[in-house]
């Protein structure tokens, strides 16, 4: 499946989806442009962009966690369906309930850990090596995007519970 085909599958009907997809597109373009210009400068001009590697390190988690709520909403995660044909119909509702509850718990734990990591990084005044940018706000941002994903997972779990398996 091509990137174009997979992006068409994402139903961007909500305003939040459009904003997050737009941000992700800009961030991905920035990473691509930065890498291209850095490599060009490195090999043709023998002068790479100072701090390009760190900029990409800051942009990558932003890209990943920006797409997480959208992908979660659309059930776009990688799934293994090898055993699905062996699961009886009456068990499929419980299986989906377990998966939704587990996903919700996992993203809540990740968000909570990232928030505390951000606090530790801020208290220790940790900064990046070259650009000397504070690292704590990155962890806070990832945590907030995990919280958005948690809300989406909670909504999906609530809808599943109301579906009366």
Protein backbone atom coordinates (compact mmCIF):
# COMPACT_ATOMS: atom_id res chain seq x y z
CA UNK A 1 0.00 0.00 0.00
CA UNK A 2 1.34 3.39 -0.95
CA UNK A 3 1.44 6.37 1.39
CA UNK A 4 -1.14 8.11 -0.79
CA UNK A 5 -3.53 5.17 -0.56
CA UNK A 6 -3.07 4.83 3.19
CA UNK A 7 -3.70 8.55 3.75
CA UNK A 8 -6.94 8.33 1.77
CA UNK A 9 -8.14 5.66 4.19
CA UNK A 10 -7.93 8.09 7.10
CA UNK A 11 -11.32 9.68 7.54
CA UNK A 12 -10.41 13.27 8.33
CA UNK A 13 -13.95 14.44 8.99
CA UNK A 14 -13.25 16.16 12.31
CA UNK A 15 -11.47 19.46 12.63
CA UNK A 16 -8.98 17.97 15.08
CA UNK A 17 -8.03 15.30 12.53
CA UNK A 18 -7.43 17.93 9.88
CA UNK A 19 -5.29 20.01 12.23
CA UNK A 20 -3.23 17.02 13.35
CA UNK A 21 -2.80 15.74 9.78
CA UNK A 22 -1.76 19.22 8.66
CA UNK A 23 0.77 19.52 11.47
CA UNK A 24 2.13 16.05 10.68
CA UNK A 25 2.49 16.94 6.99
CA UNK A 26 4.39 20.14 7.83
CA UNK A 27 6.66 18.34 10.30
CA UNK A 28 7.37 15.54 7.83
CA UNK A 29 8.17 18.08 5.10
CA UNK A 30 10.48 19.92 7.49
CA UNK A 31 12.31 16.70 8.34
CA UNK A 32 12.63 15.78 4.68
CA UNK A 33 13.85 19.24 3.66
CA UNK A 34 16.24 19.48 6.57
CA UNK A 35 17.75 16.08 5.78
CA UNK A 36 18.04 16.87 2.07
CA UNK A 37 19.68 20.26 2.62
CA UNK A 38 21.96 18.88 5.34
CA UNK A 39 23.20 16.03 3.12
CA UNK A 40 23.59 18.40 0.18
CA UNK A 41 25.59 20.82 2.31
CA UNK A 42 27.64 18.05 3.84
CA UNK A 43 28.77 16.48 0.57
CA UNK A 44 28.78 19.37 -1.90
CA UNK A 45 29.77 22.31 0.28
CA UNK A 46 31.45 20.41 3.11
CA UNK A 47 29.29 22.42 5.49
CA UNK A 48 26.34 20.58 7.09
CA UNK A 49 23.55 22.44 8.87
CA UNK A 50 24.61 22.95 12.49
CA UNK A 51 22.28 21.03 14.81
CA UNK A 52 20.31 19.34 12.02
CA UNK A 53 20.52 15.96 13.74
CA UNK A 54 19.08 17.42 16.94
CA UNK A 55 16.32 19.23 15.06
CA UNK A 56 15.28 15.92 13.54
CA UNK A 57 15.43 14.32 16.99
CA UNK A 58 12.96 16.94 18.23
CA UNK A 59 10.70 16.65 15.18
CA UNK A 60 10.47 12.83 15.08
CA UNK A 61 8.56 12.27 18.36
CA UNK A 62 6.38 15.27 17.51
CA UNK A 63 5.45 13.58 14.21
CA UNK A 64 4.79 10.20 15.81
CA UNK A 65 2.70 11.46 18.70
CA UNK A 66 0.79 13.92 16.50
CA UNK A 67 -0.42 11.02 14.35
CA UNK A 68 -1.22 8.74 17.30
CA UNK A 69 -4.70 10.17 18.04
CA UNK A 70 -5.68 10.05 14.36
CA UNK A 71 -4.46 6.50 13.87
CA UNK A 72 -6.11 5.36 17.10
CA UNK A 73 -9.42 6.91 16.08
CA UNK A 74 -9.35 5.14 12.72
CA UNK A 75 -8.08 1.79 14.10
CA UNK A 76 -5.10 2.21 11.81
CA UNK A 77 -2.68 0.32 14.04
CA UNK A 78 -0.94 -2.79 12.84
CA UNK A 79 -3.03 -5.80 13.81
CA UNK A 80 -2.43 -9.51 13.59
CA UNK A 81 -5.53 -11.29 12.33
CA UNK A 82 -4.14 -14.78 11.86
CA UNK A 83 -6.31 -16.26 14.62
CA UNK A 84 -9.43 -14.14 14.06
CA UNK A 85 -11.16 -16.84 12.02
CA UNK A 86 -10.84 -19.23 14.97
CA UNK A 87 -12.47 -16.85 17.46
CA UNK A 88 -16.19 -17.65 17.83
CA UNK A 89 -18.59 -14.82 17.02
CA UNK A 90 -19.83 -14.56 20.61
CA UNK A 91 -16.22 -14.03 21.81
CA UNK A 92 -15.39 -11.26 19.31
CA UNK A 93 -17.22 -8.63 21.37
CA UNK A 94 -15.22 -9.58 24.49
CA UNK A 95 -12.02 -9.67 22.44
CA UNK A 96 -12.62 -6.12 21.20
CA UNK A 97 -13.50 -5.01 24.73
CA UNK A 98 -10.22 -6.43 26.05
CA UNK A 99 -8.23 -4.81 23.24
CA UNK A 100 -9.87 -1.38 23.73
CA UNK A 101 -9.43 -1.49 27.52
CA UNK A 102 -5.82 -2.64 27.16
CA UNK A 103 -5.05 0.08 24.62
CA UNK A 104 -6.61 2.69 26.85
CA UNK A 105 -4.62 1.52 29.89
CA UNK A 106 -1.37 1.36 27.90
CA UNK A 107 -1.69 4.87 26.47
CA UNK A 108 -2.63 6.22 29.92
CA UNK A 109 0.51 4.65 31.39
CA UNK A 110 2.71 5.99 28.59
CA UNK A 111 1.21 9.48 28.97
CA UNK A 112 1.65 9.44 32.74
CA UNK A 113 5.28 8.26 32.45
CA UNK A 114 6.04 10.92 29.84
CA UNK A 115 4.57 13.63 32.05
CA UNK A 116 6.74 12.57 34.98
CA UNK A 117 9.75 12.28 32.68
CA UNK A 118 9.09 15.86 31.55
CA UNK A 119 9.02 16.99 35.17
CA UNK A 120 12.34 15.25 35.87
CA UNK A 121 13.92 16.73 32.76
CA UNK A 122 12.73 20.23 33.66
CA UNK A 123 13.83 19.95 37.29
CA UNK A 124 17.26 18.76 36.16
CA UNK A 125 17.36 21.51 33.54
CA UNK A 126 18.32 19.02 30.84
CA UNK A 127 19.04 20.50 27.43
CA UNK A 128 20.03 19.09 24.07
CA UNK A 129 23.73 18.72 23.37
CA UNK A 130 24.32 21.18 20.54
CA UNK A 131 21.35 23.54 20.35
CA UNK A 132 20.90 23.57 24.12
CA UNK A 133 17.12 23.44 23.86
CA UNK A 134 15.23 22.21 26.93
CA UNK A 135 14.08 18.60 26.57
CA UNK A 136 11.28 18.62 29.16
CA UNK A 137 8.72 20.39 26.95
CA UNK A 138 9.10 17.62 24.35
CA UNK A 139 8.07 15.03 26.95
CA UNK A 140 5.16 17.25 28.04
CA UNK A 141 3.99 17.60 24.44
CA UNK A 142 4.12 13.86 23.87
CA UNK A 143 2.22 13.35 27.12
CA UNK A 144 -0.54 15.75 26.05
CA UNK A 145 -0.90 13.97 22.73
CA UNK A 146 -1.12 10.68 24.66
CA UNK A 147 -3.91 12.25 26.71
CA UNK A 148 -5.77 13.12 23.48
CA UNK A 149 -5.32 9.51 22.37
CA UNK A 150 -6.59 8.35 25.78
CA UNK A 151 -9.77 10.38 25.31
CA UNK A 152 -10.28 8.82 21.88
CA UNK A 153 -9.68 5.31 23.28
CA UNK A 154 -12.11 6.03 26.14
CA UNK A 155 -14.77 7.14 23.67
CA UNK A 156 -14.23 4.03 21.57
CA UNK A 157 -14.48 1.82 24.68
CA UNK A 158 -17.69 3.57 25.77
CA UNK A 159 -19.23 3.09 22.32
CA UNK A 160 -18.24 -0.57 22.36
CA UNK A 161 -19.79 -1.11 25.79
CA UNK A 162 -23.02 0.49 24.56
CA UNK A 163 -23.10 -1.75 21.48
CA UNK A 164 -24.53 -4.62 23.56
CA UNK A 165 -22.24 -7.28 22.08
